[in-house]
Amino acid sequence: MYSEIYDTQNGISAQESGNQRLVGNSYGTAAQGSYQYTSPEGVPVQIQYIADENGFQPVGNVLPTPPPTPEAILRSLQYNAARGF
């Protein structure tokens, strides 16, 4: 297990913690953390993330978000899942 926190002279601050996790037959690192800074345009940027066997999964105030999944697609996915597709 590890944990780190730091602040830089140019205004970046970050923190991360993680540990080793068995995935299949080998070990990998699972981590979570965040970082923040002010963009050159003066916009505060804040990112939180998880990084594990499912990849890097960021969430933040400057990241684009997809539109909601249409209801017809959701019904189709449920229909397929119920039938083992």
PDB file of N, CA and C in Angstrom:
ATOM      1  N   MET A   1       0.849  -1.173   0.000  1.00  0.00           N
ATOM      2  CA  MET A   1       0.000   0.000   0.000  1.00  0.00           C
ATOM      3  C   MET A   1       0.894   1.234   0.000  1.00  0.00           C
ATOM      4  N   TYR A   2       0.424   2.282  -0.680  1.00  0.00           N
ATOM      5  CA  TYR A   2       1.169   3.530  -0.682  1.00  0.00           C
ATOM      6  C   TYR A   2       0.205   4.702  -0.653  1.00  0.00           C
ATOM      7  N   SER A   3       0.726   5.845  -0.272  1.00  0.00           N
ATOM      8  CA  SER A   3      -0.051   7.078  -0.260  1.00  0.00           C
ATOM      9  C   SER A   3       0.922   8.230  -0.439  1.00  0.00           C
ATOM     10  N   GLU A   4       0.545   9.185  -1.285  1.00  0.00           N
ATOM     11  CA  GLU A   4       1.399  10.353  -1.479  1.00  0.00           C
ATOM     12  C   GLU A   4       0.544  11.594  -1.669  1.00  0.00           C
ATOM     13  N   ILE A   5       1.058  12.697  -1.190  1.00  0.00           N
ATOM     14  CA  ILE A   5       0.407  13.997  -1.323  1.00  0.00           C
ATOM     15  C   ILE A   5       1.502  14.997  -1.640  1.00  0.00           C
ATOM     16  N   TYR A   6       1.246  15.866  -2.611  1.00  0.00           N
ATOM     17  CA  TYR A   6       2.242  16.906  -2.885  1.00  0.00           C
ATOM     18  C   TYR A   6       1.608  18.157  -3.466  1.00  0.00           C
ATOM     19  N   ASP A   7       2.304  19.259  -3.281  1.00  0.00           N
ATOM     20  CA  ASP A   7       1.965  20.556  -3.854  1.00  0.00           C
ATOM     21  C   ASP A   7       3.212  21.069  -4.559  1.00  0.00           C
ATOM     22  N   THR A   8       3.042  21.627  -5.755  1.00  0.00           N
ATOM     23  CA  THR A   8       4.180  22.157  -6.499  1.00  0.00           C
ATOM     24  C   THR A   8       4.201  23.679  -6.421  1.00  0.00           C
ATOM     25  N   GLN A   9       5.325  24.250  -6.783  1.00  0.00           N
ATOM     26  CA  GLN A   9       5.463  25.702  -6.739  1.00  0.00           C
ATOM     27  C   GLN A   9       4.567  26.402  -7.750  1.00  0.00           C
ATOM     28  N   ASN A  10       4.172  25.711  -8.808  1.00  0.00           N
ATOM     29  CA  ASN A  10       3.324  26.348  -9.815  1.00  0.00           C
ATOM     30  C   ASN A  10       1.828  26.100  -9.584  1.00  0.00           C
ATOM     31  N   GLY A  11       1.444  25.678  -8.379  1.00  0.00           N
ATOM     32  CA  GLY A  11       0.035  25.608  -8.022  1.00  0.00           C
ATOM     33  C   GLY A  11      -0.670  24.292  -8.264  1.00  0.00           C
ATOM     34  N   ILE A  12       0.061  23.253  -8.621  1.00  0.00           N
ATOM     35  CA  ILE A  12      -0.555  21.934  -8.791  1.00  0.00           C
ATOM     36  C   ILE A  12      -0.521  21.220  -7.447  1.00  0.00           C
ATOM     37  N   SER A  13      -1.642  20.639  -7.061  1.00  0.00           N
ATOM     38  CA  SER A  13      -1.639  19.782  -5.880  1.00  0.00           C
ATOM     39  C   SER A  13      -2.285  18.455  -6.252  1.00  0.00           C
ATOM     40  N   ALA A  14      -1.777  17.406  -5.636  1.00  0.00           N
ATOM     41  CA  ALA A  14      -2.249  16.069  -5.986  1.00  0.00           C
ATOM     42  C   ALA A  14      -2.142  15.147  -4.783  1.00  0.00           C
ATOM     43  N   GLN A  15      -2.956  14.121  -4.814  1.00  0.00           N
ATOM     44  CA  GLN A  15      -2.867  13.056  -3.813  1.00  0.00           C
ATOM     45  C   GLN A  15      -3.256  11.762  -4.494  1.00  0.00           C
ATOM     46  N   GLU A  16      -2.632  10.668  -4.069  1.00  0.00           N
ATOM     47  CA  GLU A  16      -2.946   9.351  -4.614  1.00  0.00           C
ATOM     48  C   GLU A  16      -2.637   8.300  -3.571  1.00  0.00           C
ATOM     49  N   SER A  17      -3.466   7.269  -3.538  1.00  0.00           N
ATOM     50  CA  SER A  17      -3.192   6.104  -2.706  1.00  0.00           C
ATOM     51  C   SER A  17      -3.541   4.870  -3.516  1.00  0.00           C
ATOM     52  N   GLY A  18      -2.888   3.778  -3.189  1.00  0.00           N
ATOM     53  CA  GLY A  18      -3.145   2.563  -3.940  1.00  0.00           C
ATOM     54  C   GLY A  18      -2.565   1.346  -3.263  1.00  0.00           C
ATOM     55  N   ASN A  19      -2.830   0.194  -3.865  1.00  0.00           N
ATOM     56  CA  ASN A  19      -2.297  -1.062  -3.356  1.00  0.00           C
ATOM     57  C   ASN A  19      -2.230  -2.084  -4.479  1.00  0.00           C
ATOM     58  N   GLN A  20      -1.552  -3.171  -4.197  1.00  0.00           N
ATOM     59  CA  GLN A  20      -1.448  -4.267  -5.152  1.00  0.00           C
ATOM     60  C   GLN A  20      -2.707  -5.112  -5.072  1.00  0.00           C
ATOM     61  N   ARG A  21      -3.159  -5.574  -6.230  1.00  0.00           N
ATOM     62  CA  ARG A  21      -4.380  -6.373  -6.301  1.00  0.00           C
ATOM     63  C   ARG A  21      -4.133  -7.529  -7.265  1.00  0.00           C
ATOM     64  N   LEU A  22      -4.598  -8.706  -6.881  1.00  0.00           N
ATOM     65  CA  LEU A  22      -4.483  -9.869  -7.751  1.00  0.00           C
ATOM     66  C   LEU A  22      -5.575  -9.803  -8.808  1.00  0.00           C
ATOM     67  N   VAL A  23      -5.166  -9.795 -10.072  1.00  0.00           N
ATOM     68  CA  VAL A  23      -6.095  -9.770 -11.201  1.00  0.00           C
ATOM     69  C   VAL A  23      -5.727 -10.952 -12.084  1.00  0.00           C
ATOM     70  N   GLY A  24      -6.598 -11.956 -12.109  1.00  0.00           N
ATOM     71  CA  GLY A  24      -6.260 -13.163 -12.853  1.00  0.00           C
ATOM     72  C   GLY A  24      -5.106 -13.876 -12.173  1.00  0.00           C
ATOM     73  N   ASN A  25      -4.015 -14.080 -12.913  1.00  0.00           N
ATOM     74  CA  ASN A  25      -2.848 -14.778 -12.367  1.00  0.00           C
ATOM     75  C   ASN A  25      -1.703 -13.858 -12.007  1.00  0.00           C
ATOM     76  N   SER A  26      -1.901 -12.553 -12.087  1.00  0.00           N
ATOM     77  CA  SER A  26      -0.808 -11.635 -11.779  1.00  0.00           C
ATOM     78  C   SER A  26      -1.316 -10.453 -10.957  1.00  0.00           C
ATOM     79  N   TYR A  27      -0.366  -9.752 -10.373  1.00  0.00           N
ATOM     80  CA  TYR A  27      -0.703  -8.600  -9.554  1.00  0.00           C
ATOM     81  C   TYR A  27      -0.632  -7.319 -10.373  1.00  0.00           C
ATOM     82  N   GLY A  28      -1.488  -6.395 -10.031  1.00  0.00           N
ATOM     83  CA  GLY A  28      -1.478  -5.070 -10.629  1.00  0.00           C
ATOM     84  C   GLY A  28      -1.744  -4.050  -9.538  1.00  0.00           C
ATOM     85  N   THR A  29      -1.589  -2.795  -9.859  1.00  0.00           N
ATOM     86  CA  THR A  29      -1.824  -1.733  -8.895  1.00  0.00           C
ATOM     87  C   THR A  29      -3.194  -1.115  -9.124  1.00  0.00           C
ATOM     88  N   ALA A  30      -3.938  -0.953  -8.057  1.00  0.00           N
ATOM     89  CA  ALA A  30      -5.205  -0.221  -8.087  1.00  0.00           C
ATOM     90  C   ALA A  30      -4.978   1.067  -7.306  1.00  0.00           C
ATOM     91  N   ALA A  31      -5.333   2.194  -7.904  1.00  0.00           N
ATOM     92  CA  ALA A  31      -5.074   3.482  -7.268  1.00  0.00           C
ATOM     93  C   ALA A  31      -6.292   4.383  -7.372  1.00  0.00           C
ATOM     94  N   GLN A  32      -6.349   5.326  -6.464  1.00  0.00           N
ATOM     95  CA  GLN A  32      -7.348   6.385  -6.549  1.00  0.00           C
ATOM     96  C   GLN A  32      -6.699   7.669  -6.078  1.00  0.00           C
ATOM     97  N   GLY A  33      -7.152   8.772  -6.639  1.00  0.00           N
ATOM     98  CA  GLY A  33      -6.558  10.030  -6.256  1.00  0.00           C
ATOM     99  C   GLY A  33      -7.231  11.213  -6.902  1.00  0.00           C
ATOM    100  N   SER A  34      -6.562  12.343  -6.810  1.00  0.00           N
ATOM    101  CA  SER A  34      -7.087  13.564  -7.404  1.00  0.00           C
ATOM    102  C   SER A  34      -5.942  14.533  -7.640  1.00  0.00           C
ATOM    103  N   TYR A  35      -6.192  15.488  -8.515  1.00  0.00           N
ATOM    104  CA  TYR A  35      -5.261  16.596  -8.695  1.00  0.00           C
ATOM    105  C   TYR A  35      -6.042  17.837  -9.074  1.00  0.00           C
ATOM    106  N   GLN A  36      -5.469  18.972  -8.775  1.00  0.00           N
ATOM    107  CA  GLN A  36      -6.112  20.232  -9.093  1.00  0.00           C
ATOM    108  C   GLN A  36      -5.072  21.293  -9.415  1.00  0.00           C
ATOM    109  N   TYR A  37      -5.481  22.205 -10.268  1.00  0.00           N
ATOM    110  CA  TYR A  37      -4.643  23.333 -10.663  1.00  0.00           C
ATOM    111  C   TYR A  37      -5.538  24.374 -11.309  1.00  0.00           C
ATOM    112  N   THR A  38      -4.988  25.526 -11.599  1.00  0.00           N
ATOM    113  CA  THR A  38      -5.717  26.571 -12.309  1.00  0.00           C
ATOM    114  C   THR A  38      -5.183  26.631 -13.727  1.00  0.00           C
ATOM    115  N   SER A  39      -6.086  26.579 -14.703  1.00  0.00           N
ATOM    116  CA  SER A  39      -5.681  26.601 -16.115  1.00  0.00           C
ATOM    117  C   SER A  39      -5.117  27.976 -16.479  1.00  0.00           C
ATOM    118  N   PRO A  40      -4.418  28.073 -17.615  1.00  0.00           N
ATOM    119  CA  PRO A  40      -3.912  29.379 -18.061  1.00  0.00           C
ATOM    120  C   PRO A  40      -5.028  30.413 -18.244  1.00  0.00           C
ATOM    121  N   GLU A  41      -6.261  29.939 -18.473  1.00  0.00           N
ATOM    122  CA  GLU A  41      -7.402  30.849 -18.629  1.00  0.00           C
ATOM    123  C   GLU A  41      -8.007  31.260 -17.287  1.00  0.00           C
ATOM    124  N   GLY A  42      -7.454  30.737 -16.192  1.00  0.00           N
ATOM    125  CA  GLY A  42      -7.959  31.078 -14.866  1.00  0.00           C
ATOM    126  C   GLY A  42      -9.061  30.172 -14.356  1.00  0.00           C
ATOM    127  N   VAL A  43      -9.314  29.063 -15.042  1.00  0.00           N
ATOM    128  CA  VAL A  43     -10.372  28.129 -14.646  1.00  0.00           C
ATOM    129  C   VAL A  43      -9.809  27.096 -13.666  1.00  0.00           C
ATOM    130  N   PRO A  44     -10.414  26.952 -12.485  1.00  0.00           N
ATOM    131  CA  PRO A  44      -9.967  25.895 -11.571  1.00  0.00           C
ATOM    132  C   PRO A  44     -10.281  24.520 -12.173  1.00  0.00           C
ATOM    133  N   VAL A  45      -9.294  23.652 -12.217  1.00  0.00           N
ATOM    134  CA  VAL A  45      -9.443  22.298 -12.755  1.00  0.00           C
ATOM    135  C   VAL A  45      -9.328  21.324 -11.591  1.00  0.00           C
ATOM    136  N   GLN A  46     -10.323  20.455 -11.440  1.00  0.00           N
ATOM    137  CA  GLN A  46     -10.318  19.452 -10.379  1.00  0.00           C
ATOM    138  C   GLN A  46     -10.674  18.104 -10.987  1.00  0.00           C
ATOM    139  N   ILE A  47      -9.779  17.146 -10.833  1.00  0.00           N
ATOM    140  CA  ILE A  47      -9.973  15.802 -11.380  1.00  0.00           C
ATOM    141  C   ILE A  47      -9.833  14.783 -10.251  1.00  0.00           C
ATOM    142  N   GLN A  48     -10.793  13.872 -10.158  1.00  0.00           N
ATOM    143  CA  GLN A  48     -10.699  12.712  -9.275  1.00  0.00           C
ATOM    144  C   GLN A  48     -10.639  11.487 -10.183  1.00  0.00           C
ATOM    145  N   TYR A  49      -9.955  10.442  -9.734  1.00  0.00           N
ATOM    146  CA  TYR A  49      -9.830   9.267 -10.595  1.00  0.00           C
ATOM    147  C   TYR A  49      -9.676   7.984  -9.807  1.00  0.00           C
ATOM    148  N   ILE A  50      -9.987   6.910 -10.508  1.00  0.00           N
ATOM    149  CA  ILE A  50      -9.698   5.548 -10.082  1.00  0.00           C
ATOM    150  C   ILE A  50      -8.927   4.927 -11.236  1.00  0.00           C
ATOM    151  N   ALA A  51      -7.892   4.187 -10.938  1.00  0.00           N
ATOM    152  CA  ALA A  51      -7.135   3.460 -11.958  1.00  0.00           C
ATOM    153  C   ALA A  51      -6.970   2.029 -11.462  1.00  0.00           C
ATOM    154  N   ASP A  52      -7.517   1.087 -12.215  1.00  0.00           N
ATOM    155  CA  ASP A  52      -7.453  -0.315 -11.815  1.00  0.00           C
ATOM    156  C   ASP A  52      -7.540  -1.200 -13.049  1.00  0.00           C
ATOM    157  N   GLU A  53      -7.953  -2.448 -12.876  1.00  0.00           N
ATOM    158  CA  GLU A  53      -8.021  -3.368 -14.013  1.00  0.00           C
ATOM    159  C   GLU A  53      -9.027  -2.919 -15.074  1.00  0.00           C
ATOM    160  N   ASN A  54      -9.868  -1.962 -14.735  1.00  0.00           N
ATOM    161  CA  ASN A  54     -10.830  -1.418 -15.694  1.00  0.00           C
ATOM    162  C   ASN A  54     -10.324  -0.156 -16.385  1.00  0.00           C
ATOM    163  N   GLY A  55      -9.079   0.217 -16.131  1.00  0.00           N
ATOM    164  CA  GLY A  55      -8.494   1.383 -16.784  1.00  0.00           C
ATOM    165  C   GLY A  55      -8.520   2.628 -15.917  1.00  0.00           C
ATOM    166  N   PHE A  56      -8.132   3.737 -16.523  1.00  0.00           N
ATOM    167  CA  PHE A  56      -8.117   5.046 -15.872  1.00  0.00           C
ATOM    168  C   PHE A  56      -9.502   5.659 -16.025  1.00  0.00           C
ATOM    169  N   GLN A  57     -10.141   5.987 -14.894  1.00  0.00           N
ATOM    170  CA  GLN A  57     -11.522   6.473 -14.904  1.00  0.00           C
ATOM    171  C   GLN A  57     -11.600   7.836 -14.218  1.00  0.00           C
ATOM    172  N   PRO A  58     -11.380   8.902 -14.978  1.00  0.00           N
ATOM    173  CA  PRO A  58     -11.402  10.236 -14.380  1.00  0.00           C
ATOM    174  C   PRO A  58     -12.807  10.834 -14.326  1.00  0.00           C
ATOM    175  N   VAL A  59     -13.005  11.697 -13.349  1.00  0.00           N
ATOM    176  CA  VAL A  59     -14.223  12.495 -13.220  1.00  0.00           C
ATOM    177  C   VAL A  59     -13.758  13.892 -12.846  1.00  0.00           C
ATOM    178  N   GLY A  60     -14.289  14.903 -13.514  1.00  0.00           N
ATOM    179  CA  GLY A  60     -13.852  16.245 -13.173  1.00  0.00           C
ATOM    180  C   GLY A  60     -14.716  17.331 -13.762  1.00  0.00           C
ATOM    181  N   ASN A  61     -14.478  18.533 -13.285  1.00  0.00           N
ATOM    182  CA  ASN A  61     -15.301  19.664 -13.683  1.00  0.00           C
ATOM    183  C   ASN A  61     -15.017  20.165 -15.095  1.00  0.00           C
ATOM    184  N   VAL A  62     -13.940  19.741 -15.725  1.00  0.00           N
ATOM    185  CA  VAL A  62     -13.621  20.214 -17.077  1.00  0.00           C
ATOM    186  C   VAL A  62     -13.706  19.103 -18.124  1.00  0.00           C
ATOM    187  N   LEU A  63     -14.093  17.903 -17.712  1.00  0.00           N
ATOM    188  CA  LEU A  63     -14.184  16.784 -18.647  1.00  0.00           C
ATOM    189  C   LEU A  63     -15.569  16.752 -19.290  1.00  0.00           C
ATOM    190  N   PRO A  64     -15.634  16.435 -20.573  1.00  0.00           N
ATOM    191  CA  PRO A  64     -16.949  16.356 -21.220  1.00  0.00           C
ATOM    192  C   PRO A  64     -17.742  15.164 -20.685  1.00  0.00           C
ATOM    193  N   THR A  65     -19.043  15.298 -20.686  1.00  0.00           N
ATOM    194  CA  THR A  65     -19.905  14.196 -20.269  1.00  0.00           C
ATOM    195  C   THR A  65     -20.781  13.796 -21.453  1.00  0.00           C
ATOM    196  N   PRO A  66     -20.991  12.511 -21.633  1.00  0.00           N
ATOM    197  CA  PRO A  66     -21.801  12.061 -22.776  1.00  0.00           C
ATOM    198  C   PRO A  66     -23.276  12.365 -22.541  1.00  0.00           C
ATOM    199  N   PRO A  67     -24.043  12.436 -23.611  1.00  0.00           N
ATOM    200  CA  PRO A  67     -25.491  12.612 -23.440  1.00  0.00           C
ATOM    201  C   PRO A  67     -26.085  11.336 -22.847  1.00  0.00           C
ATOM    202  N   PRO A  68     -27.265  11.419 -22.248  1.00  0.00           N
ATOM    203  CA  PRO A  68     -27.884  10.218 -21.694  1.00  0.00           C
ATOM    204  C   PRO A  68     -28.199   9.201 -22.792  1.00  0.00           C
ATOM    205  N   THR A  69     -28.167   7.921 -22.410  1.00  0.00           N
ATOM    206  CA  THR A  69     -28.499   6.856 -23.358  1.00  0.00           C
ATOM    207  C   THR A  69     -29.995   6.905 -23.652  1.00  0.00           C
ATOM    208  N   PRO A  70     -30.383   6.902 -24.928  1.00  0.00           N
ATOM    209  CA  PRO A  70     -31.813   6.948 -25.268  1.00  0.00           C
ATOM    210  C   PRO A  70     -32.572   5.761 -24.669  1.00  0.00           C
ATOM    211  N   GLU A  71     -33.802   6.006 -24.296  1.00  0.00           N
ATOM    212  CA  GLU A  71     -34.646   4.988 -23.662  1.00  0.00           C
ATOM    213  C   GLU A  71     -34.767   3.732 -24.520  1.00  0.00           C
ATOM    214  N   ALA A  72     -34.902   3.874 -25.829  1.00  0.00           N
ATOM    215  CA  ALA A  72     -35.032   2.707 -26.719  1.00  0.00           C
ATOM    216  C   ALA A  72     -33.782   1.832 -26.655  1.00  0.00           C
ATOM    217  N   ILE A  73     -32.621   2.445 -26.551  1.00  0.00           N
ATOM    218  CA  ILE A  73     -31.368   1.679 -26.451  1.00  0.00           C
ATOM    219  C   ILE A  73     -31.318   0.956 -25.110  1.00  0.00           C
ATOM    220  N   LEU A  74     -31.710   1.621 -24.037  1.00  0.00           N
ATOM    221  CA  LEU A  74     -31.729   0.973 -22.723  1.00  0.00           C
ATOM    222  C   LEU A  74     -32.649  -0.244 -22.724  1.00  0.00           C
ATOM    223  N   ARG A  75     -33.825  -0.107 -23.322  1.00  0.00           N
ATOM    224  CA  ARG A  75     -34.757  -1.249 -23.402  1.00  0.00           C
ATOM    225  C   ARG A  75     -34.149  -2.388 -24.216  1.00  0.00           C
ATOM    226  N   SER A  76     -33.475  -2.050 -25.308  1.00  0.00           N
ATOM    227  CA  SER A  76     -32.842  -3.070 -26.143  1.00  0.00           C
ATOM    228  C   SER A  76     -31.751  -3.809 -25.372  1.00  0.00           C
ATOM    229  N   LEU A  77     -30.953  -3.076 -24.610  1.00  0.00           N
ATOM    230  CA  LEU A  77     -29.900  -3.704 -23.812  1.00  0.00           C
ATOM    231  C   LEU A  77     -30.497  -4.637 -22.761  1.00  0.00           C
ATOM    232  N   GLN A  78     -31.564  -4.196 -22.113  1.00  0.00           N
ATOM    233  CA  GLN A  78     -32.228  -5.044 -21.117  1.00  0.00           C
ATOM    234  C   GLN A  78     -32.814  -6.297 -21.769  1.00  0.00           C
ATOM    235  N   TYR A  79     -33.424  -6.135 -22.918  1.00  0.00           N
ATOM    236  CA  TYR A  79     -33.999  -7.258 -23.661  1.00  0.00           C
ATOM    237  C   TYR A  79     -32.908  -8.278 -24.000  1.00  0.00           C
ATOM    238  N   ASN A  80     -31.797  -7.792 -24.536  1.00  0.00           N
ATOM    239  CA  ASN A  80     -30.694  -8.685 -24.912  1.00  0.00           C
ATOM    240  C   ASN A  80     -30.090  -9.374 -23.697  1.00  0.00           C
ATOM    241  N   ALA A  81     -29.907  -8.640 -22.612  1.00  0.00           N
ATOM    242  CA  ALA A  81     -29.319  -9.225 -21.403  1.00  0.00           C
ATOM    243  C   ALA A  81     -30.221 -10.314 -20.833  1.00  0.00           C
ATOM    244  N   ALA A  82     -31.526 -10.098 -20.878  1.00  0.00           N
ATOM    245  CA  ALA A  82     -32.470 -11.085 -20.349  1.00  0.00           C
ATOM    246  C   ALA A  82     -32.453 -12.374 -21.161  1.00  0.00           C
ATOM    247  N   ARG A  83     -32.006 -12.292 -22.406  1.00  0.00           N
ATOM    248  CA  ARG A  83     -31.975 -13.460 -23.285  1.00  0.00           C
ATOM    249  C   ARG A  83     -30.565 -14.015 -23.487  1.00  0.00           C
ATOM    250  N   GLY A  84     -29.629 -13.518 -22.706  1.00  0.00           N
ATOM    251  CA  GLY A  84     -28.268 -14.048 -22.749  1.00  0.00           C
ATOM    252  C   GLY A  84     -27.414 -13.578 -23.904  1.00  0.00           C
ATOM    253  N   PHE A  85     -27.821 -12.503 -24.556  1.00  0.00           N
ATOM    254  CA  PHE A  85     -27.016 -11.983 -25.669  1.00  0.00           C
ATOM    255  C   PHE A  85     -25.938 -11.067 -25.169  1.00  0.00           C
TER     256      PHE A  85
END
